[in-house]
PDB file of N, CA and C in Angstrom:
ATOM      1  N   UNK A   1       0.517   3.168 -19.278  1.00  0.00           N
ATOM      2  CA  UNK A   1       1.632   2.714 -18.465  1.00  0.00           C
ATOM      3  C   UNK A   1       1.085   2.363 -17.093  1.00  0.00           C
ATOM      4  N   UNK A   2       1.595   1.317 -16.518  1.00  0.00           N
ATOM      5  CA  UNK A   2       1.189   0.935 -15.170  1.00  0.00           C
ATOM      6  C   UNK A   2       2.383   0.438 -14.376  1.00  0.00           C
ATOM      7  N   UNK A   3       2.312   0.641 -13.062  1.00  0.00           N
ATOM      8  CA  UNK A   3       3.320   0.150 -12.124  1.00  0.00           C
ATOM      9  C   UNK A   3       2.573  -0.623 -11.045  1.00  0.00           C
ATOM     10  N   UNK A   4       3.007  -1.842 -10.795  1.00  0.00           N
ATOM     11  CA  UNK A   4       2.406  -2.693  -9.777  1.00  0.00           C
ATOM     12  C   UNK A   4       3.489  -3.081  -8.780  1.00  0.00           C
ATOM     13  N   UNK A   5       3.257  -2.786  -7.506  1.00  0.00           N
ATOM     14  CA  UNK A   5       4.221  -3.097  -6.451  1.00  0.00           C
ATOM     15  C   UNK A   5       3.576  -4.110  -5.509  1.00  0.00           C
ATOM     16  N   UNK A   6       4.239  -5.248  -5.327  1.00  0.00           N
ATOM     17  CA  UNK A   6       3.731  -6.262  -4.412  1.00  0.00           C
ATOM     18  C   UNK A   6       4.766  -6.503  -3.316  1.00  0.00           C
ATOM     19  N   UNK A   7       4.268  -6.779  -2.112  1.00  0.00           N
ATOM     20  CA  UNK A   7       5.133  -6.993  -0.964  1.00  0.00           C
ATOM     21  C   UNK A   7       4.680  -8.231  -0.211  1.00  0.00           C
ATOM     22  N   UNK A   8       5.620  -9.069   0.196  1.00  0.00           N
ATOM     23  CA  UNK A   8       5.342 -10.279   0.982  1.00  0.00           C
ATOM     24  C   UNK A   8       4.324 -11.171   0.286  1.00  0.00           C
ATOM     25  N   UNK A   9       4.561 -11.442  -0.978  1.00  0.00           N
ATOM     26  CA  UNK A   9       3.647 -12.253  -1.780  1.00  0.00           C
ATOM     27  C   UNK A   9       4.309 -13.569  -2.168  1.00  0.00           C
ATOM     28  N   UNK A  10       3.510 -14.566  -2.522  1.00  0.00           N
ATOM     29  CA  UNK A  10       4.082 -15.839  -2.967  1.00  0.00           C
ATOM     30  C   UNK A  10       4.885 -15.682  -4.257  1.00  0.00           C
ATOM     31  N   UNK A  11       5.897 -16.524  -4.419  1.00  0.00           N
ATOM     32  CA  UNK A  11       6.744 -16.454  -5.614  1.00  0.00           C
ATOM     33  C   UNK A  11       5.952 -16.768  -6.877  1.00  0.00           C
ATOM     34  N   UNK A  12       4.912 -17.571  -6.771  1.00  0.00           N
ATOM     35  CA  UNK A  12       4.089 -17.906  -7.924  1.00  0.00           C
ATOM     36  C   UNK A  12       3.404 -16.690  -8.519  1.00  0.00           C
ATOM     37  N   UNK A  13       3.037 -15.738  -7.684  1.00  0.00           N
ATOM     38  CA  UNK A  13       2.417 -14.506  -8.185  1.00  0.00           C
ATOM     39  C   UNK A  13       3.417 -13.697  -8.993  1.00  0.00           C
ATOM     40  N   UNK A  14       4.646 -13.615  -8.508  1.00  0.00           N
ATOM     41  CA  UNK A  14       5.680 -12.880  -9.252  1.00  0.00           C
ATOM     42  C   UNK A  14       5.903 -13.515 -10.616  1.00  0.00           C
ATOM     43  N   UNK A  15       5.967 -14.843 -10.654  1.00  0.00           N
ATOM     44  CA  UNK A  15       6.151 -15.536 -11.920  1.00  0.00           C
ATOM     45  C   UNK A  15       4.988 -15.333 -12.858  1.00  0.00           C
ATOM     46  N   UNK A  16       3.791 -15.294 -12.312  1.00  0.00           N
ATOM     47  CA  UNK A  16       2.599 -15.084 -13.118  1.00  0.00           C
ATOM     48  C   UNK A  16       2.576 -13.680 -13.720  1.00  0.00           C
ATOM     49  N   UNK A  17       2.990 -12.687 -12.943  1.00  0.00           N
ATOM     50  CA  UNK A  17       2.985 -11.298 -13.433  1.00  0.00           C
ATOM     51  C   UNK A  17       4.055 -11.054 -14.493  1.00  0.00           C
ATOM     52  N   UNK A  18       5.150 -11.814 -14.450  1.00  0.00           N
ATOM     53  CA  UNK A  18       6.211 -11.596 -15.438  1.00  0.00           C
ATOM     54  C   UNK A  18       5.801 -12.035 -16.847  1.00  0.00           C
ATOM     55  N   UNK A  19       4.688 -12.744 -16.968  1.00  0.00           N
ATOM     56  CA  UNK A  19       4.181 -13.084 -18.302  1.00  0.00           C
ATOM     57  C   UNK A  19       3.677 -11.841 -19.028  1.00  0.00           C
ATOM     58  N   UNK A  20       3.221 -10.847 -18.266  1.00  0.00           N
ATOM     59  CA  UNK A  20       2.613  -9.654 -18.862  1.00  0.00           C
ATOM     60  C   UNK A  20       3.402  -8.385 -18.623  1.00  0.00           C
ATOM     61  N   UNK A  21       4.183  -8.355 -17.546  1.00  0.00           N
ATOM     62  CA  UNK A  21       4.875  -7.133 -17.145  1.00  0.00           C
ATOM     63  C   UNK A  21       6.366  -7.418 -16.946  1.00  0.00           C
ATOM     64  N   UNK A  22       7.169  -6.364 -16.975  1.00  0.00           N
ATOM     65  CA  UNK A  22       8.603  -6.484 -16.733  1.00  0.00           C
ATOM     66  C   UNK A  22       8.878  -6.193 -15.258  1.00  0.00           C
ATOM     67  N   UNK A  23       9.642  -7.073 -14.604  1.00  0.00           N
ATOM     68  CA  UNK A  23      10.006  -6.877 -13.199  1.00  0.00           C
ATOM     69  C   UNK A  23      11.332  -6.114 -13.161  1.00  0.00           C
ATOM     70  N   UNK A  24      11.271  -4.836 -12.787  1.00  0.00           N
ATOM     71  CA  UNK A  24      12.472  -4.006 -12.808  1.00  0.00           C
ATOM     72  C   UNK A  24      13.234  -4.050 -11.493  1.00  0.00           C
ATOM     73  N   UNK A  25      12.586  -4.504 -10.445  1.00  0.00           N
ATOM     74  CA  UNK A  25      13.190  -4.674  -9.127  1.00  0.00           C
ATOM     75  C   UNK A  25      12.332  -5.722  -8.422  1.00  0.00           C
ATOM     76  N   UNK A  26      12.849  -6.386  -7.397  1.00  0.00           N
ATOM     77  CA  UNK A  26      12.025  -7.406  -6.750  1.00  0.00           C
ATOM     78  C   UNK A  26      10.685  -6.841  -6.270  1.00  0.00           C
ATOM     79  N   UNK A  27       9.609  -7.349  -6.825  1.00  0.00           N
ATOM     80  CA  UNK A  27       8.274  -6.929  -6.432  1.00  0.00           C
ATOM     81  C   UNK A  27       7.751  -5.696  -7.134  1.00  0.00           C
ATOM     82  N   UNK A  28       8.507  -5.120  -8.075  1.00  0.00           N
ATOM     83  CA  UNK A  28       8.068  -3.921  -8.802  1.00  0.00           C
ATOM     84  C   UNK A  28       7.938  -4.281 -10.281  1.00  0.00           C
ATOM     85  N   UNK A  29       6.720  -4.182 -10.804  1.00  0.00           N
ATOM     86  CA  UNK A  29       6.426  -4.564 -12.184  1.00  0.00           C
ATOM     87  C   UNK A  29       5.929  -3.348 -12.957  1.00  0.00           C
ATOM     88  N   UNK A  30       6.399  -3.196 -14.197  1.00  0.00           N
ATOM     89  CA  UNK A  30       5.943  -2.110 -15.058  1.00  0.00           C
ATOM     90  C   UNK A  30       5.545  -2.690 -16.412  1.00  0.00           C
ATOM     91  N   UNK A  31       4.649  -1.996 -17.065  1.00  0.00           N
ATOM     92  CA  UNK A  31       4.221  -2.441 -18.383  1.00  0.00           C
ATOM     93  C   UNK A  31       3.167  -1.514 -18.948  1.00  0.00           C
ATOM     94  N   UNK A  32       2.717  -1.879 -20.134  1.00  0.00           N
ATOM     95  CA  UNK A  32       1.725  -1.062 -20.819  1.00  0.00           C
ATOM     96  C   UNK A  32       0.630  -1.960 -21.405  1.00  0.00           C
ATOM     97  N   UNK A  33      -0.078  -2.713 -20.546  1.00  0.00           N
ATOM     98  CA  UNK A  33      -1.144  -3.570 -21.058  1.00  0.00           C
ATOM     99  C   UNK A  33      -2.413  -2.758 -21.319  1.00  0.00           C
ATOM    100  N   UNK A  34      -3.363  -3.363 -22.004  1.00  0.00           N
ATOM    101  CA  UNK A  34      -4.653  -2.698 -22.237  1.00  0.00           C
ATOM    102  C   UNK A  34      -5.409  -2.612 -20.910  1.00  0.00           C
ATOM    103  N   UNK A  35      -6.467  -1.807 -20.902  1.00  0.00           N
ATOM    104  CA  UNK A  35      -7.247  -1.631 -19.674  1.00  0.00           C
ATOM    105  C   UNK A  35      -7.864  -2.949 -19.226  1.00  0.00           C
ATOM    106  N   UNK A  36      -8.301  -3.747 -20.175  1.00  0.00           N
ATOM    107  CA  UNK A  36      -8.907  -5.042 -19.829  1.00  0.00           C
ATOM    108  C   UNK A  36      -7.880  -5.972 -19.185  1.00  0.00           C
ATOM    109  N   UNK A  37      -6.699  -6.063 -19.770  1.00  0.00           N
ATOM    110  CA  UNK A  37      -5.656  -6.918 -19.211  1.00  0.00           C
ATOM    111  C   UNK A  37      -5.222  -6.389 -17.848  1.00  0.00           C
ATOM    112  N   UNK A  38      -5.108  -5.068 -17.700  1.00  0.00           N
ATOM    113  CA  UNK A  38      -4.735  -4.465 -16.419  1.00  0.00           C
ATOM    114  C   UNK A  38      -5.735  -4.854 -15.332  1.00  0.00           C
ATOM    115  N   UNK A  39      -7.035  -4.758 -15.640  1.00  0.00           N
ATOM    116  CA  UNK A  39      -8.055  -5.108 -14.660  1.00  0.00           C
ATOM    117  C   UNK A  39      -8.016  -6.597 -14.312  1.00  0.00           C
ATOM    118  N   UNK A  40      -7.772  -7.443 -15.303  1.00  0.00           N
ATOM    119  CA  UNK A  40      -7.665  -8.881 -15.040  1.00  0.00           C
ATOM    120  C   UNK A  40      -6.425  -9.204 -14.209  1.00  0.00           C
ATOM    121  N   UNK A  41      -5.313  -8.512 -14.482  1.00  0.00           N
ATOM    122  CA  UNK A  41      -4.099  -8.707 -13.674  1.00  0.00           C
ATOM    123  C   UNK A  41      -4.327  -8.273 -12.232  1.00  0.00           C
ATOM    124  N   UNK A  42      -5.054  -7.174 -12.046  1.00  0.00           N
ATOM    125  CA  UNK A  42      -5.326  -6.698 -10.689  1.00  0.00           C
ATOM    126  C   UNK A  42      -6.219  -7.690  -9.938  1.00  0.00           C
ATOM    127  N   UNK A  43      -7.235  -8.225 -10.605  1.00  0.00           N
ATOM    128  CA  UNK A  43      -8.090  -9.222  -9.968  1.00  0.00           C
ATOM    129  C   UNK A  43      -7.282 -10.454  -9.572  1.00  0.00           C
ATOM    130  N   UNK A  44      -6.404 -10.887 -10.460  1.00  0.00           N
ATOM    131  CA  UNK A  44      -5.571 -12.057 -10.179  1.00  0.00           C
ATOM    132  C   UNK A  44      -4.601 -11.766  -9.032  1.00  0.00           C
ATOM    133  N   UNK A  45      -4.063 -10.554  -8.999  1.00  0.00           N
ATOM    134  CA  UNK A  45      -3.161 -10.160  -7.917  1.00  0.00           C
ATOM    135  C   UNK A  45      -3.890 -10.180  -6.581  1.00  0.00           C
ATOM    136  N   UNK A  46      -5.095  -9.616  -6.534  1.00  0.00           N
ATOM    137  CA  UNK A  46      -5.871  -9.624  -5.292  1.00  0.00           C
ATOM    138  C   UNK A  46      -6.182 -11.046  -4.835  1.00  0.00           C
ATOM    139  N   UNK A  47      -6.410 -11.924  -5.771  1.00  0.00           N
ATOM    140  CA  UNK A  47      -6.728 -13.312  -5.456  1.00  0.00           C
ATOM    141  C   UNK A  47      -5.518 -14.075  -4.905  1.00  0.00           C
ATOM    142  N   UNK A  48      -4.336 -13.849  -5.494  1.00  0.00           N
ATOM    143  CA  UNK A  48      -3.152 -14.625  -5.143  1.00  0.00           C
ATOM    144  C   UNK A  48      -2.242 -13.986  -4.099  1.00  0.00           C
ATOM    145  N   UNK A  49      -2.493 -12.749  -3.723  1.00  0.00           N
ATOM    146  CA  UNK A  49      -1.581 -12.028  -2.838  1.00  0.00           C
ATOM    147  C   UNK A  49      -1.551 -12.613  -1.420  1.00  0.00           C
ATOM    148  N   UNK A  50      -2.620 -13.266  -0.980  1.00  0.00           N
ATOM    149  CA  UNK A  50      -2.737 -13.901   0.342  1.00  0.00           C
ATOM    150  C   UNK A  50      -2.446 -12.904   1.457  1.00  0.00           C
ATOM    151  N   UNK A  51      -1.362 -13.068   2.217  1.00  0.00           N
ATOM    152  CA  UNK A  51      -1.072 -12.177   3.346  1.00  0.00           C
ATOM    153  C   UNK A  51      -0.265 -10.950   2.945  1.00  0.00           C
ATOM    154  N   UNK A  52       0.121 -10.839   1.701  1.00  0.00           N
ATOM    155  CA  UNK A  52       0.918  -9.700   1.241  1.00  0.00           C
ATOM    156  C   UNK A  52       0.052  -8.492   0.940  1.00  0.00           C
ATOM    157  N   UNK A  53       0.663  -7.512   0.301  1.00  0.00           N
ATOM    158  CA  UNK A  53      -0.077  -6.304  -0.081  1.00  0.00           C
ATOM    159  C   UNK A  53       0.319  -5.888  -1.482  1.00  0.00           C
ATOM    160  N   UNK A  54      -0.536  -5.089  -2.097  1.00  0.00           N
ATOM    161  CA  UNK A  54      -0.303  -4.681  -3.473  1.00  0.00           C
ATOM    162  C   UNK A  54      -0.721  -3.232  -3.671  1.00  0.00           C
ATOM    163  N   UNK A  55      -0.014  -2.557  -4.564  1.00  0.00           N
ATOM    164  CA  UNK A  55      -0.285  -1.167  -4.914  1.00  0.00           C
ATOM    165  C   UNK A  55      -0.166  -1.039  -6.421  1.00  0.00           C
ATOM    166  N   UNK A  56      -1.194  -0.470  -7.055  1.00  0.00           N
ATOM    167  CA  UNK A  56      -1.230  -0.312  -8.510  1.00  0.00           C
ATOM    168  C   UNK A  56      -1.387   1.157  -8.854  1.00  0.00           C
ATOM    169  N   UNK A  57      -0.541   1.651  -9.748  1.00  0.00           N
ATOM    170  CA  UNK A  57      -0.632   3.017 -10.275  1.00  0.00           C
ATOM    171  C   UNK A  57      -0.692   2.882 -11.784  1.00  0.00           C
ATOM    172  N   UNK A  58      -1.685   3.533 -12.411  1.00  0.00           N
ATOM    173  CA  UNK A  58      -1.815   3.427 -13.867  1.00  0.00           C
ATOM    174  C   UNK A  58      -2.282   4.739 -14.471  1.00  0.00           C
ATOM    175  N   UNK A  59      -2.018   4.909 -15.753  1.00  0.00           N
ATOM    176  CA  UNK A  59      -2.379   6.122 -16.486  1.00  0.00           C
ATOM    177  C   UNK A  59      -3.884   6.245 -16.601  1.00  0.00           C
ATOM    178  N   UNK A  60      -4.351   7.497 -16.564  1.00  0.00           N
ATOM    179  CA  UNK A  60      -5.784   7.746 -16.663  1.00  0.00           C
ATOM    180  C   UNK A  60      -6.022   9.131 -17.259  1.00  0.00           C
ATOM    181  N   UNK A  61      -7.216   9.346 -17.774  1.00  0.00           N
ATOM    182  CA  UNK A  61      -7.582  10.652 -18.335  1.00  0.00           C
ATOM    183  C   UNK A  61      -8.231  11.515 -17.263  1.00  0.00           C
ATOM    184  N   UNK A  62      -7.452  11.983 -16.302  1.00  0.00           N
ATOM    185  CA  UNK A  62      -7.942  12.924 -15.295  1.00  0.00           C
ATOM    186  C   UNK A  62      -6.893  14.018 -15.115  1.00  0.00           C
ATOM    187  N   UNK A  63      -7.103  14.897 -14.151  1.00  0.00           N
ATOM    188  CA  UNK A  63      -6.187  16.018 -13.940  1.00  0.00           C
ATOM    189  C   UNK A  63      -4.771  15.565 -13.601  1.00  0.00           C
ATOM    190  N   UNK A  64      -4.645  14.519 -12.833  1.00  0.00           N
ATOM    191  CA  UNK A  64      -3.330  14.032 -12.439  1.00  0.00           C
ATOM    192  C   UNK A  64      -2.693  13.152 -13.495  1.00  0.00           C
ATOM    193  N   UNK A  65      -3.511  12.548 -14.333  1.00  0.00           N
ATOM    194  CA  UNK A  65      -2.990  11.653 -15.351  1.00  0.00           C
ATOM    195  C   UNK A  65      -2.724  10.244 -14.844  1.00  0.00           C
ATOM    196  N   UNK A  66      -3.180   9.942 -13.606  1.00  0.00           N
ATOM    197  CA  UNK A  66      -2.974   8.609 -13.048  1.00  0.00           C
ATOM    198  C   UNK A  66      -4.034   8.317 -12.004  1.00  0.00           C
ATOM    199  N   UNK A  67      -4.203   7.014 -11.741  1.00  0.00           N
ATOM    200  CA  UNK A  67      -5.104   6.559 -10.690  1.00  0.00           C
ATOM    201  C   UNK A  67      -4.395   5.492  -9.869  1.00  0.00           C
ATOM    202  N   UNK A  68      -4.918   5.232  -8.672  1.00  0.00           N
ATOM    203  CA  UNK A  68      -4.296   4.301  -7.733  1.00  0.00           C
ATOM    204  C   UNK A  68      -5.297   3.238  -7.303  1.00  0.00           C
ATOM    205  N   UNK A  69      -4.787   2.051  -7.006  1.00  0.00           N
ATOM    206  CA  UNK A  69      -5.558   0.995  -6.360  1.00  0.00           C
ATOM    207  C   UNK A  69      -4.654   0.356  -5.321  1.00  0.00           C
ATOM    208  N   UNK A  70      -5.231  -0.006  -4.192  1.00  0.00           N
ATOM    209  CA  UNK A  70      -4.460  -0.658  -3.138  1.00  0.00           C
ATOM    210  C   UNK A  70      -5.191  -1.900  -2.645  1.00  0.00           C
ATOM    211  N   UNK A  71      -4.417  -2.831  -2.141  1.00  0.00           N
ATOM    212  CA  UNK A  71      -4.974  -4.041  -1.541  1.00  0.00           C
ATOM    213  C   UNK A  71      -4.182  -4.359  -0.282  1.00  0.00           C
ATOM    214  N   UNK A  72      -4.848  -4.310   0.877  1.00  0.00           N
ATOM    215  CA  UNK A  72      -4.226  -4.580   2.174  1.00  0.00           C
ATOM    216  C   UNK A  72      -2.976  -3.732   2.394  1.00  0.00           C
ATOM    217  N   UNK A  73      -3.066  -2.465   2.098  1.00  0.00           N
ATOM    218  CA  UNK A  73      -1.913  -1.572   2.164  1.00  0.00           C
ATOM    219  C   UNK A  73      -2.141  -0.514   3.229  1.00  0.00           C
ATOM    220  N   UNK A  74      -1.044   0.017   3.817  1.00  0.00           N
ATOM    221  CA  UNK A  74      -1.141   1.077   4.825  1.00  0.00           C
ATOM    222  C   UNK A  74      -1.576   2.405   4.207  1.00  0.00           C
ATOM    223  N   UNK A  75      -1.248   2.618   2.958  1.00  0.00           N
ATOM    224  CA  UNK A  75      -1.587   3.851   2.265  1.00  0.00           C
ATOM    225  C   UNK A  75      -2.863   3.636   1.456  1.00  0.00           C
ATOM    226  N   UNK A  76      -3.810   4.563   1.593  1.00  0.00           N
ATOM    227  CA  UNK A  76      -5.100   4.432   0.925  1.00  0.00           C
ATOM    228  C   UNK A  76      -5.353   5.690   0.091  1.00  0.00           C
ATOM    229  N   UNK A  77      -5.793   5.550  -1.174  1.00  0.00           N
ATOM    230  CA  UNK A  77      -6.083   6.735  -1.981  1.00  0.00           C
ATOM    231  C   UNK A  77      -7.366   7.418  -1.515  1.00  0.00           C
ATOM    232  N   UNK A  78      -7.299   8.746  -1.369  1.00  0.00           N
ATOM    233  CA  UNK A  78      -8.471   9.540  -0.997  1.00  0.00           C
ATOM    234  C   UNK A  78      -8.567  10.732  -1.926  1.00  0.00           C
ATOM    235  N   UNK A  79      -9.801  11.104  -2.253  1.00  0.00           N
ATOM    236  CA  UNK A  79     -10.058  12.200  -3.167  1.00  0.00           C
ATOM    237  C   UNK A  79     -10.161  13.510  -2.388  1.00  0.00           C
ATOM    238  N   UNK A  80      -9.351  14.502  -2.764  1.00  0.00           N
ATOM    239  CA  UNK A  80      -9.386  15.831  -2.182  1.00  0.00           C
ATOM    240  C   UNK A  80      -9.610  16.837  -3.302  1.00  0.00           C
ATOM    241  N   UNK A  81     -10.858  17.287  -3.473  1.00  0.00           N
ATOM    242  CA  UNK A  81     -11.221  18.274  -4.490  1.00  0.00           C
ATOM    243  C   UNK A  81     -10.731  17.893  -5.885  1.00  0.00           C
ATOM    244  N   UNK A  82     -10.911  16.650  -6.251  1.00  0.00           N
ATOM    245  CA  UNK A  82     -10.551  16.200  -7.587  1.00  0.00           C
ATOM    246  C   UNK A  82      -9.159  15.623  -7.719  1.00  0.00           C
ATOM    247  N   UNK A  83      -8.330  15.778  -6.700  1.00  0.00           N
ATOM    248  CA  UNK A  83      -6.991  15.191  -6.713  1.00  0.00           C
ATOM    249  C   UNK A  83      -6.959  13.986  -5.776  1.00  0.00           C
ATOM    250  N   UNK A  84      -6.374  12.928  -6.240  1.00  0.00           N
ATOM    251  CA  UNK A  84      -6.245  11.731  -5.411  1.00  0.00           C
ATOM    252  C   UNK A  84      -4.898  11.769  -4.719  1.00  0.00           C
ATOM    253  N   UNK A  85      -4.938  11.725  -3.404  1.00  0.00           N
ATOM    254  CA  UNK A  85      -3.721  11.718  -2.601  1.00  0.00           C
ATOM    255  C   UNK A  85      -3.673  10.419  -1.799  1.00  0.00           C
ATOM    256  N   UNK A  86      -2.471   9.949  -1.544  1.00  0.00           N
ATOM    257  CA  UNK A  86      -2.294   8.746  -0.745  1.00  0.00           C
ATOM    258  C   UNK A  86      -2.204   9.164   0.724  1.00  0.00           C
ATOM    259  N   UNK A  87      -3.068   8.594   1.544  1.00  0.00           N
ATOM    260  CA  UNK A  87      -3.148   8.938   2.957  1.00  0.00           C
ATOM    261  C   UNK A  87      -2.813   7.700   3.761  1.00  0.00           C
ATOM    262  N   UNK A  88      -1.978   7.870   4.749  1.00  0.00           N
ATOM    263  CA  UNK A  88      -1.604   6.747   5.605  1.00  0.00           C
ATOM    264  C   UNK A  88      -2.602   6.650   6.746  1.00  0.00           C
ATOM    265  N   UNK A  89      -3.206   5.478   6.896  1.00  0.00           N
ATOM    266  CA  UNK A  89      -4.161   5.280   7.962  1.00  0.00           C
ATOM    267  C   UNK A  89      -3.448   4.969   9.257  1.00  0.00           C
ATOM    268  N   UNK A  90      -3.982   5.496  10.351  1.00  0.00           N
ATOM    269  CA  UNK A  90      -3.397   5.240  11.663  1.00  0.00           C
ATOM    270  C   UNK A  90      -3.821   3.853  12.126  1.00  0.00           C
ATOM    271  N   UNK A  91      -2.910   3.137  12.781  1.00  0.00           N
ATOM    272  CA  UNK A  91      -3.308   1.857  13.372  1.00  0.00           C
ATOM    273  C   UNK A  91      -4.369   2.072  14.439  1.00  0.00           C
ATOM    274  N   UNK A  92      -5.137   1.058  14.744  1.00  0.00           N
ATOM    275  CA  UNK A  92      -6.216   1.170  15.723  1.00  0.00           C
ATOM    276  C   UNK A  92      -5.721   1.613  17.089  1.00  0.00           C
ATOM    277  N   UNK A  93      -4.521   1.200  17.495  1.00  0.00           N
ATOM    278  CA  UNK A  93      -4.008   1.548  18.817  1.00  0.00           C
ATOM    279  C   UNK A  93      -3.693   3.037  18.943  1.00  0.00           C
ATOM    280  N   UNK A  94      -3.422   3.720  17.828  1.00  0.00           N
ATOM    281  CA  UNK A  94      -3.092   5.144  17.885  1.00  0.00           C
ATOM    282  C   UNK A  94      -4.332   6.027  17.913  1.00  0.00           C
ATOM    283  N   UNK A  95      -5.503   5.468  17.634  1.00  0.00           N
ATOM    284  CA  UNK A  95      -6.722   6.270  17.619  1.00  0.00           C
ATOM    285  C   UNK A  95      -7.072   6.768  19.016  1.00  0.00           C
ATOM    286  N   UNK A  96      -6.868   5.943  20.017  1.00  0.00           N
ATOM    287  CA  UNK A  96      -7.150   6.353  21.386  1.00  0.00           C
ATOM    288  C   UNK A  96      -5.914   7.039  21.953  1.00  0.00           C
ATOM    289  N   UNK A  97      -6.074   8.295  22.334  1.00  0.00           N
ATOM    290  CA  UNK A  97      -4.938   9.059  22.849  1.00  0.00           C
ATOM    291  C   UNK A  97      -4.664   8.674  24.296  1.00  0.00           C
ATOM    292  N   UNK A  98      -3.393   8.429  24.594  1.00  0.00           N
ATOM    293  CA  UNK A  98      -3.003   8.064  25.953  1.00  0.00           C
ATOM    294  C   UNK A  98      -2.945   9.309  26.819  1.00  0.00           C
ATOM    295  N   UNK A  99      -3.377   9.155  28.030  1.00  0.00           N
ATOM    296  CA  UNK A  99      -3.308  10.269  28.976  1.00  0.00           C
ATOM    297  C   UNK A  99      -2.472   9.850  30.175  1.00  0.00           C
ATOM    298  N   UNK A 100      -2.043  10.818  30.954  1.00  0.00           N
ATOM    299  CA  UNK A 100      -1.263  10.531  32.153  1.00  0.00           C
ATOM    300  C   UNK A 100       0.223  10.665  31.907  1.00  0.00           C
ATOM    301  N   UNK A 101       0.992  10.260  32.894  1.00  0.00           N
ATOM    302  CA  UNK A 101       2.438  10.379  32.837  1.00  0.00           C
ATOM    303  C   UNK A 101       3.049   9.260  32.013  1.00  0.00           C
ATOM    304  N   UNK A 102       4.203   9.527  31.443  1.00  0.00           N
ATOM    305  CA  UNK A 102       4.930   8.495  30.702  1.00  0.00           C
ATOM    306  C   UNK A 102       5.585   7.529  31.684  1.00  0.00           C
ATOM    307  N   UNK A 103       5.998   6.383  31.185  1.00  0.00           N
ATOM    308  CA  UNK A 103       6.670   5.397  32.034  1.00  0.00           C
ATOM    309  C   UNK A 103       7.972   5.946  32.595  1.00  0.00           C
ATOM    310  N   UNK A 104       8.714   6.712  31.787  1.00  0.00           N
ATOM    311  CA  UNK A 104       9.976   7.292  32.252  1.00  0.00           C
ATOM    312  C   UNK A 104       9.724   8.270  33.402  1.00  0.00           C
ATOM    313  N   UNK A 105       8.673   9.060  33.322  1.00  0.00           N
ATOM    314  CA  UNK A 105       8.355  10.029  34.372  1.00  0.00           C
ATOM    315  C   UNK A 105       7.966   9.316  35.664  1.00  0.00           C
ATOM    316  N   UNK A 106       7.206   8.239  35.547  1.00  0.00           N
ATOM    317  CA  UNK A 106       6.815   7.472  36.733  1.00  0.00           C
ATOM    318  C   UNK A 106       8.041   6.883  37.425  1.00  0.00           C
ATOM    319  N   UNK A 107       8.984   6.345  36.636  1.00  0.00           N
ATOM    320  CA  UNK A 107      10.192   5.763  37.218  1.00  0.00           C
ATOM    321  C   UNK A 107      11.042   6.831  37.895  1.00  0.00           C
ATOM    322  N   UNK A 108      11.131   8.005  37.285  1.00  0.00           N
ATOM    323  CA  UNK A 108      11.901   9.095  37.871  1.00  0.00           C
ATOM    324  C   UNK A 108      11.314   9.528  39.201  1.00  0.00           C
ATOM    325  N   UNK A 109      10.001   9.583  39.302  1.00  0.00           N
ATOM    326  CA  UNK A 109       9.326   9.990  40.536  1.00  0.00           C
ATOM    327  C   UNK A 109       9.596   8.990  41.654  1.00  0.00           C
ATOM    328  N   UNK A 110       9.616   7.684  41.293  1.00  0.00           N
ATOM    329  CA  UNK A 110       9.851   6.665  42.330  1.00  0.00           C
ATOM    330  C   UNK A 110      11.293   6.738  42.834  1.00  0.00           C
ATOM    331  N   UNK A 111      12.259   7.054  41.957  1.00  0.00           N
ATOM    332  CA  UNK A 111      13.645   7.151  42.391  1.00  0.00           C
ATOM    333  C   UNK A 111      13.893   8.385  43.251  1.00  0.00           C
ATOM    334  N   UNK A 112      13.191   9.483  43.001  1.00  0.00           N
ATOM    335  CA  UNK A 112      13.355  10.688  43.791  1.00  0.00           C
ATOM    336  C   UNK A 112      12.829  10.506  45.202  1.00  0.00           C
ATOM    337  N   UNK A 113      11.832   9.675  45.331  1.00  0.00           N
ATOM    338  CA  UNK A 113      11.207   9.486  46.648  1.00  0.00           C
ATOM    339  C   UNK A 113      12.038   8.647  47.587  1.00  0.00           C
ATOM    340  N   UNK A 114      13.070   7.992  47.140  1.00  0.00           N
ATOM    341  CA  UNK A 114      13.878   7.105  47.997  1.00  0.00           C
ATOM    342  C   UNK A 114      14.842   7.843  48.843  1.00  0.00           C
TER     343      UNK A 114
END
């Protein structure tokens, strides 16, 4: 079993995926293709997704019973002691911690001084 979720993708990709999978909601496809077809669909999705993003979840023979693949997505699969968890990456601007007073505090100080 596999679930493929695409966001902000061309309509042609959705039409192409409906040849192999059932679209149960806009951008959400489910099906039970073979591993070879699944891998070919994922390659085609990565090729045609352009500025959109894609997330694939499929059955696997591991402890969780599933594996994940992402393409241009905010959530990235990471392995934690044999379990794959989805971790949200911080945007580049949040990596550097801001120091000093907030804008609201600065404005309050200027009004008190008048």
